[in-house]
Amino acid sequence: MILFHGLNWTRWEQIVNNTPLPRLTSFVEDRLATLKNVIKEPELDGWSLYLGDWGYNTQKERAEAASIPRIHLLQLSDFSKKLK
């Protein structure tokens, strides 16, 4: 699994475009707007998307994310479990 967190969108695109990726990939972000942009990219359809419930999002954004099937809410306490 490759896990990205805290990268701005442009830098993230550079990494994705220049890195051979394994089949299972995940993207963890604390900004819902960024995850919504990822959903628009067809080449990233196989990625698992997580909204970290810590950081720069509100309860309203977390509720919206919960209504989007591709986005999973991730608690900080569960973050390390995803790395294994």
N, C-alpha and C. Protein backbone atom coordinates (compact mmCIF):
# COMPACT_ATOMS: atom_id res chain seq x y z
N MET A 1 0.84 -1.17 0.00
CA MET A 1 0.00 0.00 0.00
C MET A 1 0.88 1.24 0.00
N ILE A 2 0.53 2.21 -0.80
CA ILE A 2 1.18 3.52 -0.73
C ILE A 2 0.17 4.46 -0.10
N LEU A 3 0.62 5.23 0.86
CA LEU A 3 -0.27 6.11 1.60
C LEU A 3 0.27 7.52 1.51
N PHE A 4 -0.53 8.43 0.99
CA PHE A 4 -0.13 9.83 0.89
C PHE A 4 -0.93 10.63 1.89
N HIS A 5 -0.29 11.57 2.55
CA HIS A 5 -0.99 12.42 3.49
C HIS A 5 -0.29 13.77 3.54
N GLY A 6 -1.07 14.83 3.49
CA GLY A 6 -0.54 16.16 3.70
C GLY A 6 0.23 16.76 2.55
N LEU A 7 0.10 16.21 1.36
CA LEU A 7 0.80 16.79 0.21
C LEU A 7 -0.16 17.70 -0.55
N ASN A 8 0.37 18.82 -1.05
CA ASN A 8 -0.52 19.64 -1.86
C ASN A 8 -0.80 18.92 -3.17
N TRP A 9 -1.89 19.28 -3.84
CA TRP A 9 -2.39 18.54 -5.01
C TRP A 9 -1.33 18.46 -6.11
N THR A 10 -0.63 19.55 -6.42
CA THR A 10 0.35 19.55 -7.50
C THR A 10 1.48 18.58 -7.19
N ARG A 11 2.01 18.61 -6.00
CA ARG A 11 3.10 17.70 -5.62
C ARG A 11 2.61 16.26 -5.64
N TRP A 12 1.39 16.04 -5.21
CA TRP A 12 0.81 14.70 -5.21
C TRP A 12 0.71 14.18 -6.64
N GLU A 13 0.27 15.01 -7.57
CA GLU A 13 0.18 14.59 -8.97
C GLU A 13 1.56 14.23 -9.52
N GLN A 14 2.58 14.98 -9.15
CA GLN A 14 3.93 14.68 -9.61
C GLN A 14 4.37 13.31 -9.10
N ILE A 15 4.09 13.01 -7.87
CA ILE A 15 4.47 11.72 -7.29
C ILE A 15 3.74 10.59 -8.01
N VAL A 16 2.43 10.75 -8.19
CA VAL A 16 1.63 9.71 -8.85
C VAL A 16 2.11 9.48 -10.27
N ASN A 17 2.40 10.54 -10.99
CA ASN A 17 2.80 10.41 -12.39
C ASN A 17 4.21 9.86 -12.57
N ASN A 18 5.02 9.92 -11.54
CA ASN A 18 6.41 9.49 -11.66
C ASN A 18 6.76 8.27 -10.82
N THR A 19 5.76 7.65 -10.23
CA THR A 19 5.99 6.52 -9.33
C THR A 19 5.24 5.30 -9.82
N PRO A 20 5.92 4.18 -10.06
CA PRO A 20 5.18 2.96 -10.35
C PRO A 20 4.39 2.55 -9.11
N LEU A 21 3.11 2.36 -9.28
CA LEU A 21 2.26 2.11 -8.13
C LEU A 21 1.82 0.66 -8.05
N PRO A 22 1.76 0.12 -6.85
CA PRO A 22 1.20 -1.22 -6.69
C PRO A 22 -0.30 -1.17 -6.89
N ARG A 23 -0.94 -2.31 -6.92
CA ARG A 23 -2.38 -2.37 -7.14
C ARG A 23 -3.18 -1.68 -6.05
N LEU A 24 -2.81 -1.88 -4.80
CA LEU A 24 -3.56 -1.29 -3.71
C LEU A 24 -2.93 0.03 -3.31
N THR A 25 -3.69 1.09 -3.41
CA THR A 25 -3.20 2.41 -3.03
C THR A 25 -4.28 3.12 -2.23
N SER A 26 -3.82 3.96 -1.34
CA SER A 26 -4.72 4.72 -0.48
C SER A 26 -4.27 6.16 -0.43
N PHE A 27 -5.23 7.04 -0.27
CA PHE A 27 -4.94 8.47 -0.15
C PHE A 27 -5.67 8.97 1.09
N VAL A 28 -4.91 9.49 2.05
CA VAL A 28 -5.49 10.05 3.28
C VAL A 28 -5.31 11.55 3.21
N GLU A 29 -6.39 12.26 3.45
CA GLU A 29 -6.39 13.72 3.34
C GLU A 29 -7.30 14.27 4.42
N ASP A 30 -7.01 15.47 4.88
CA ASP A 30 -7.90 16.10 5.86
C ASP A 30 -8.73 17.22 5.24
N ARG A 31 -8.66 17.36 3.92
CA ARG A 31 -9.48 18.35 3.21
C ARG A 31 -10.43 17.61 2.26
N LEU A 32 -11.71 17.77 2.49
CA LEU A 32 -12.72 17.12 1.66
C LEU A 32 -12.62 17.58 0.21
N ALA A 33 -12.34 18.85 -0.02
CA ALA A 33 -12.26 19.38 -1.39
C ALA A 33 -11.21 18.62 -2.20
N THR A 34 -10.09 18.28 -1.59
CA THR A 34 -9.04 17.53 -2.29
C THR A 34 -9.53 16.14 -2.68
N LEU A 35 -10.21 15.47 -1.76
CA LEU A 35 -10.73 14.13 -2.07
C LEU A 35 -11.78 14.18 -3.18
N LYS A 36 -12.57 15.23 -3.21
CA LYS A 36 -13.56 15.38 -4.28
C LYS A 36 -12.86 15.56 -5.63
N ASN A 37 -11.71 16.22 -5.63
CA ASN A 37 -10.93 16.35 -6.87
C ASN A 37 -10.36 15.01 -7.30
N VAL A 38 -9.92 14.21 -6.35
CA VAL A 38 -9.39 12.88 -6.66
C VAL A 38 -10.46 12.03 -7.33
N ILE A 39 -11.68 12.12 -6.85
CA ILE A 39 -12.79 11.34 -7.42
C ILE A 39 -13.00 11.67 -8.89
N LYS A 40 -12.69 12.88 -9.29
CA LYS A 40 -12.89 13.31 -10.69
C LYS A 40 -11.84 12.73 -11.64
N GLU A 41 -10.79 12.15 -11.11
CA GLU A 41 -9.70 11.63 -11.94
C GLU A 41 -9.92 10.14 -12.22
N PRO A 42 -10.32 9.77 -13.44
CA PRO A 42 -10.62 8.37 -13.74
C PRO A 42 -9.46 7.41 -13.51
N GLU A 43 -8.23 7.86 -13.69
CA GLU A 43 -7.09 6.97 -13.50
C GLU A 43 -6.86 6.62 -12.03
N LEU A 44 -7.58 7.29 -11.14
CA LEU A 44 -7.45 7.02 -9.71
C LEU A 44 -8.66 6.29 -9.15
N ASP A 45 -9.46 5.72 -10.04
CA ASP A 45 -10.68 5.02 -9.61
C ASP A 45 -10.41 3.87 -8.65
N GLY A 46 -9.27 3.24 -8.74
CA GLY A 46 -8.96 2.10 -7.88
C GLY A 46 -8.42 2.48 -6.52
N TRP A 47 -8.24 3.75 -6.26
CA TRP A 47 -7.66 4.20 -4.99
C TRP A 47 -8.70 4.18 -3.88
N SER A 48 -8.27 3.83 -2.69
CA SER A 48 -9.11 3.96 -1.49
C SER A 48 -8.88 5.37 -0.94
N LEU A 49 -9.97 6.07 -0.66
CA LEU A 49 -9.88 7.46 -0.21
C LEU A 49 -10.36 7.57 1.23
N TYR A 50 -9.58 8.27 2.04
CA TYR A 50 -9.89 8.43 3.46
C TYR A 50 -9.84 9.90 3.84
N LEU A 51 -10.87 10.35 4.55
CA LEU A 51 -10.86 11.69 5.14
C LEU A 51 -10.49 11.54 6.60
N GLY A 52 -9.32 12.08 6.96
CA GLY A 52 -8.91 12.05 8.35
C GLY A 52 -9.81 12.97 9.17
N ASP A 53 -10.37 12.47 10.24
CA ASP A 53 -11.30 13.29 11.00
C ASP A 53 -10.59 14.25 11.96
N TRP A 54 -9.28 14.37 11.82
CA TRP A 54 -8.50 15.36 12.54
C TRP A 54 -8.07 16.40 11.51
N GLY A 55 -7.71 17.55 11.93
CA GLY A 55 -7.18 18.54 11.00
C GLY A 55 -8.21 19.49 10.44
N TYR A 56 -8.05 19.81 9.16
CA TYR A 56 -8.77 20.91 8.54
C TYR A 56 -10.11 20.52 7.95
N ASN A 57 -10.99 19.94 8.73
CA ASN A 57 -12.35 19.70 8.25
C ASN A 57 -13.31 19.89 9.42
N THR A 58 -14.56 20.09 9.05
CA THR A 58 -15.60 20.36 10.04
C THR A 58 -16.52 19.15 10.15
N GLN A 59 -17.37 19.17 11.15
CA GLN A 59 -18.36 18.12 11.30
C GLN A 59 -19.27 18.06 10.06
N LYS A 60 -19.62 19.21 9.52
CA LYS A 60 -20.45 19.27 8.31
C LYS A 60 -19.75 18.57 7.14
N GLU A 61 -18.45 18.82 6.97
CA GLU A 61 -17.70 18.17 5.90
C GLU A 61 -17.58 16.66 6.13
N ARG A 62 -17.41 16.26 7.38
CA ARG A 62 -17.34 14.82 7.68
C ARG A 62 -18.67 14.14 7.37
N ALA A 63 -19.77 14.82 7.65
CA ALA A 63 -21.09 14.27 7.33
C ALA A 63 -21.27 14.17 5.82
N GLU A 64 -20.82 15.18 5.09
CA GLU A 64 -20.89 15.12 3.62
C GLU A 64 -20.04 13.98 3.09
N ALA A 65 -18.84 13.83 3.62
CA ALA A 65 -17.95 12.75 3.19
C ALA A 65 -18.58 11.39 3.43
N ALA A 66 -19.29 11.25 4.54
CA ALA A 66 -19.93 9.98 4.87
C ALA A 66 -21.00 9.61 3.84
N SER A 67 -21.51 10.60 3.12
CA SER A 67 -22.54 10.34 2.10
C SER A 67 -21.93 10.02 0.73
N ILE A 68 -20.61 10.10 0.62
CA ILE A 68 -19.92 9.82 -0.65
C ILE A 68 -19.32 8.42 -0.54
N PRO A 69 -19.82 7.47 -1.33
CA PRO A 69 -19.39 6.07 -1.18
C PRO A 69 -17.89 5.83 -1.27
N ARG A 70 -17.16 6.59 -2.06
CA ARG A 70 -15.72 6.34 -2.21
C ARG A 70 -14.89 6.84 -1.05
N ILE A 71 -15.45 7.71 -0.23
CA ILE A 71 -14.68 8.31 0.85
C ILE A 71 -15.03 7.65 2.18
N HIS A 72 -14.00 7.22 2.89
CA HIS A 72 -14.17 6.59 4.19
C HIS A 72 -13.60 7.52 5.26
N LEU A 73 -14.32 7.68 6.35
CA LEU A 73 -13.82 8.49 7.45
C LEU A 73 -12.77 7.69 8.22
N LEU A 74 -11.72 8.35 8.61
CA LEU A 74 -10.62 7.69 9.31
C LEU A 74 -10.30 8.46 10.58
N GLN A 75 -10.37 7.78 11.69
CA GLN A 75 -10.00 8.40 12.97
C GLN A 75 -8.50 8.28 13.17
N LEU A 76 -7.95 9.25 13.86
CA LEU A 76 -6.51 9.24 14.11
C LEU A 76 -6.09 7.96 14.82
N SER A 77 -6.92 7.46 15.71
CA SER A 77 -6.58 6.23 16.43
C SER A 77 -6.49 5.02 15.50
N ASP A 78 -7.17 5.07 14.35
CA ASP A 78 -7.13 3.97 13.39
C ASP A 78 -6.08 4.16 12.29
N PHE A 79 -5.47 5.32 12.26
CA PHE A 79 -4.52 5.65 11.20
C PHE A 79 -3.37 4.65 11.14
N SER A 80 -2.77 4.35 12.27
CA SER A 80 -1.61 3.43 12.28
C SER A 80 -2.00 2.02 11.84
N LYS A 81 -3.24 1.62 12.07
CA LYS A 81 -3.69 0.30 11.65
C LYS A 81 -3.69 0.19 10.12
N LYS A 82 -3.98 1.29 9.43
CA LYS A 82 -4.01 1.29 7.97
C LYS A 82 -2.60 1.17 7.39
N LEU A 83 -1.60 1.49 8.17
CA LEU A 83 -0.22 1.42 7.68
C LEU A 83 0.31 0.00 7.66
N LYS A 84 -0.36 -0.90 8.35
CA LYS A 84 0.13 -2.28 8.44
C LYS A 84 -0.36 -3.11 7.30
